[in-house]
């Protein structure tokens, strides 16, 4: 999300996006711990083409983070952010976006 997205968004609306396959992937990523999307897909028994986009979406809405590059250099290692951490990160980014907006109005 961009700063303007944080400024105009609420935590409840962000959290409401964690549904269906996103919620399943988030839960599996919490259970698995940091891993690649390929590893996560194998653990879930899903096709990687169903898992990888969900992980990308989780990163975009703040419920997962890239923590490392796999040894191959082509795959990322991702970890799920628990709700409390995701909310804290969201609130920090929202506060910064609001402050930046205030500075621009001066």
C-alpha atoms as a PDB file:
ATOM      1  CA  UNK A   1       0.000   0.000   0.000  1.00  0.00           C
ATOM      2  CA  UNK A   2       1.119   3.559  -0.684  1.00  0.00           C
ATOM      3  CA  UNK A   3       1.123   6.309   1.975  1.00  0.00           C
ATOM      4  CA  UNK A   4      -2.145   7.713   0.637  1.00  0.00           C
ATOM      5  CA  UNK A   5      -3.698   4.246   1.020  1.00  0.00           C
ATOM      6  CA  UNK A   6      -2.718   4.180   4.686  1.00  0.00           C
ATOM      7  CA  UNK A   7      -4.048   7.687   5.189  1.00  0.00           C
ATOM      8  CA  UNK A   8      -7.439   6.781   3.723  1.00  0.00           C
ATOM      9  CA  UNK A   9      -7.746   3.246   5.120  1.00  0.00           C
ATOM     10  CA  UNK A  10      -8.966   1.826   8.405  1.00  0.00           C
ATOM     11  CA  UNK A  11      -7.592  -1.240  10.172  1.00  0.00           C
ATOM     12  CA  UNK A  12     -11.037  -2.862  10.029  1.00  0.00           C
ATOM     13  CA  UNK A  13     -11.147  -2.581   6.245  1.00  0.00           C
ATOM     14  CA  UNK A  14      -7.622  -3.976   5.889  1.00  0.00           C
ATOM     15  CA  UNK A  15      -8.410  -6.847   8.244  1.00  0.00           C
ATOM     16  CA  UNK A  16     -11.609  -7.575   6.293  1.00  0.00           C
ATOM     17  CA  UNK A  17      -9.435  -8.458   3.270  1.00  0.00           C
ATOM     18  CA  UNK A  18      -8.002 -11.436   5.134  1.00  0.00           C
ATOM     19  CA  UNK A  19     -10.645 -13.900   3.947  1.00  0.00           C
ATOM     20  CA  UNK A  20     -11.002 -17.168   2.044  1.00  0.00           C
ATOM     21  CA  UNK A  21      -7.758 -18.327   0.395  1.00  0.00           C
ATOM     22  CA  UNK A  22      -5.784 -15.403   1.831  1.00  0.00           C
ATOM     23  CA  UNK A  23      -6.815 -16.438   5.340  1.00  0.00           C
ATOM     24  CA  UNK A  24      -5.914 -20.073   4.624  1.00  0.00           C
ATOM     25  CA  UNK A  25      -2.501 -19.140   3.266  1.00  0.00           C
ATOM     26  CA  UNK A  26      -1.874 -16.772   6.193  1.00  0.00           C
ATOM     27  CA  UNK A  27      -2.755 -19.515   8.664  1.00  0.00           C
ATOM     28  CA  UNK A  28      -0.527 -22.035   6.878  1.00  0.00           C
ATOM     29  CA  UNK A  29       2.334 -19.532   6.812  1.00  0.00           C
ATOM     30  CA  UNK A  30       1.974 -18.948  10.554  1.00  0.00           C
ATOM     31  CA  UNK A  31       2.023 -22.698  11.144  1.00  0.00           C
ATOM     32  CA  UNK A  32       4.927 -23.364   8.774  1.00  0.00           C
ATOM     33  CA  UNK A  33       7.068 -20.477   9.870  1.00  0.00           C
ATOM     34  CA  UNK A  34       9.221 -18.588   7.386  1.00  0.00           C
ATOM     35  CA  UNK A  35       9.385 -20.410   4.055  1.00  0.00           C
ATOM     36  CA  UNK A  36       9.257 -20.006   0.298  1.00  0.00           C
ATOM     37  CA  UNK A  37       5.983 -20.038  -1.571  1.00  0.00           C
ATOM     38  CA  UNK A  38       7.055 -23.307  -3.193  1.00  0.00           C
ATOM     39  CA  UNK A  39       7.585 -24.919   0.212  1.00  0.00           C
ATOM     40  CA  UNK A  40       4.299 -23.509   1.510  1.00  0.00           C
ATOM     41  CA  UNK A  41       2.389 -24.792  -1.531  1.00  0.00           C
ATOM     42  CA  UNK A  42       3.836 -28.271  -1.003  1.00  0.00           C
ATOM     43  CA  UNK A  43       2.914 -28.248   2.703  1.00  0.00           C
ATOM     44  CA  UNK A  44      -0.616 -27.097   1.889  1.00  0.00           C
ATOM     45  CA  UNK A  45      -1.041 -29.520  -1.005  1.00  0.00           C
ATOM     46  CA  UNK A  46      -1.903 -26.577  -3.277  1.00  0.00           C
ATOM     47  CA  UNK A  47      -0.524 -25.557  -6.636  1.00  0.00           C
ATOM     48  CA  UNK A  48       2.125 -22.860  -6.344  1.00  0.00           C
ATOM     49  CA  UNK A  49       0.123 -20.741  -8.807  1.00  0.00           C
ATOM     50  CA  UNK A  50      -2.617 -20.552  -6.176  1.00  0.00           C
ATOM     51  CA  UNK A  51      -0.276 -19.841  -3.267  1.00  0.00           C
ATOM     52  CA  UNK A  52       2.183 -17.313  -4.702  1.00  0.00           C
ATOM     53  CA  UNK A  53      -0.438 -14.644  -5.584  1.00  0.00           C
ATOM     54  CA  UNK A  54      -2.039 -14.990  -2.143  1.00  0.00           C
ATOM     55  CA  UNK A  55       1.337 -14.445  -0.449  1.00  0.00           C
ATOM     56  CA  UNK A  56       1.892 -11.365  -2.614  1.00  0.00           C
ATOM     57  CA  UNK A  57      -1.518 -10.049  -1.559  1.00  0.00           C
ATOM     58  CA  UNK A  58      -0.703 -10.755   2.089  1.00  0.00           C
ATOM     59  CA  UNK A  59       2.496  -8.731   1.751  1.00  0.00           C
ATOM     60  CA  UNK A  60       0.599  -5.884   0.083  1.00  0.00           C
ATOM     61  CA  UNK A  61      -2.015  -5.665   2.844  1.00  0.00           C
ATOM     62  CA  UNK A  62       0.550  -6.098   5.600  1.00  0.00           C
ATOM     63  CA  UNK A  63      -0.070  -9.635   6.839  1.00  0.00           C
ATOM     64  CA  UNK A  64       3.195 -11.135   5.545  1.00  0.00           C
ATOM     65  CA  UNK A  65       6.737  -9.936   4.929  1.00  0.00           C
ATOM     66  CA  UNK A  66       9.700 -10.937   2.800  1.00  0.00           C
ATOM     67  CA  UNK A  67      12.441 -11.870   5.249  1.00  0.00           C
ATOM     68  CA  UNK A  68      15.161 -13.321   3.023  1.00  0.00           C
ATOM     69  CA  UNK A  69      16.016 -14.595  -0.410  1.00  0.00           C
ATOM     70  CA  UNK A  70      16.267 -18.365  -0.756  1.00  0.00           C
ATOM     71  CA  UNK A  71      19.672 -19.799  -1.598  1.00  0.00           C
ATOM     72  CA  UNK A  72      18.686 -19.984  -5.269  1.00  0.00           C
ATOM     73  CA  UNK A  73      18.226 -16.222  -5.316  1.00  0.00           C
ATOM     74  CA  UNK A  74      14.964 -16.547  -7.237  1.00  0.00           C
ATOM     75  CA  UNK A  75      12.566 -17.281  -4.434  1.00  0.00           C
ATOM     76  CA  UNK A  76      11.804 -15.218  -1.397  1.00  0.00           C
ATOM     77  CA  UNK A  77      11.369 -16.498   2.111  1.00  0.00           C
ATOM     78  CA  UNK A  78       8.207 -15.085   3.670  1.00  0.00           C
ATOM     79  CA  UNK A  79       6.797 -15.012   7.152  1.00  0.00           C
ATOM     80  CA  UNK A  80       3.281 -14.316   8.308  1.00  0.00           C
ATOM     81  CA  UNK A  81       2.728 -11.361  10.583  1.00  0.00           C
ATOM     82  CA  UNK A  82       0.460 -12.115  13.542  1.00  0.00           C
ATOM     83  CA  UNK A  83      -2.566  -9.818  13.833  1.00  0.00           C
ATOM     84  CA  UNK A  84      -1.059  -7.704  16.616  1.00  0.00           C
ATOM     85  CA  UNK A  85       2.129  -7.044  14.641  1.00  0.00           C
ATOM     86  CA  UNK A  86       0.241  -6.351  11.414  1.00  0.00           C
ATOM     87  CA  UNK A  87      -2.039  -3.907  13.244  1.00  0.00           C
ATOM     88  CA  UNK A  88       0.897  -2.156  14.920  1.00  0.00           C
ATOM     89  CA  UNK A  89       2.682  -1.799  11.550  1.00  0.00           C
ATOM     90  CA  UNK A  90      -0.500  -0.500   9.923  1.00  0.00           C
ATOM     91  CA  UNK A  91      -1.059   2.076  12.652  1.00  0.00           C
ATOM     92  CA  UNK A  92       2.560   3.296  12.419  1.00  0.00           C
ATOM     93  CA  UNK A  93       2.337   3.682   8.646  1.00  0.00           C
ATOM     94  CA  UNK A  94      -1.059   5.370   8.910  1.00  0.00           C
ATOM     95  CA  UNK A  95       0.228   7.813  11.519  1.00  0.00           C
ATOM     96  CA  UNK A  96       3.240   8.636   9.315  1.00  0.00           C
ATOM     97  CA  UNK A  97       0.980   9.150   6.289  1.00  0.00           C
ATOM     98  CA  UNK A  98      -1.306  11.460   8.253  1.00  0.00           C
ATOM     99  CA  UNK A  99       1.663  13.465   9.555  1.00  0.00           C
ATOM    100  CA  UNK A 100       3.118  13.761   6.053  1.00  0.00           C
ATOM    101  CA  UNK A 101      -0.248  14.918   4.785  1.00  0.00           C
ATOM    102  CA  UNK A 102      -0.404  17.577   7.506  1.00  0.00           C
ATOM    103  CA  UNK A 103       3.066  18.834   6.565  1.00  0.00           C
ATOM    104  CA  UNK A 104       2.014  19.097   2.932  1.00  0.00           C
ATOM    105  CA  UNK A 105      -0.985  21.211   3.938  1.00  0.00           C
ATOM    106  CA  UNK A 106       1.159  23.789   5.760  1.00  0.00           C
END
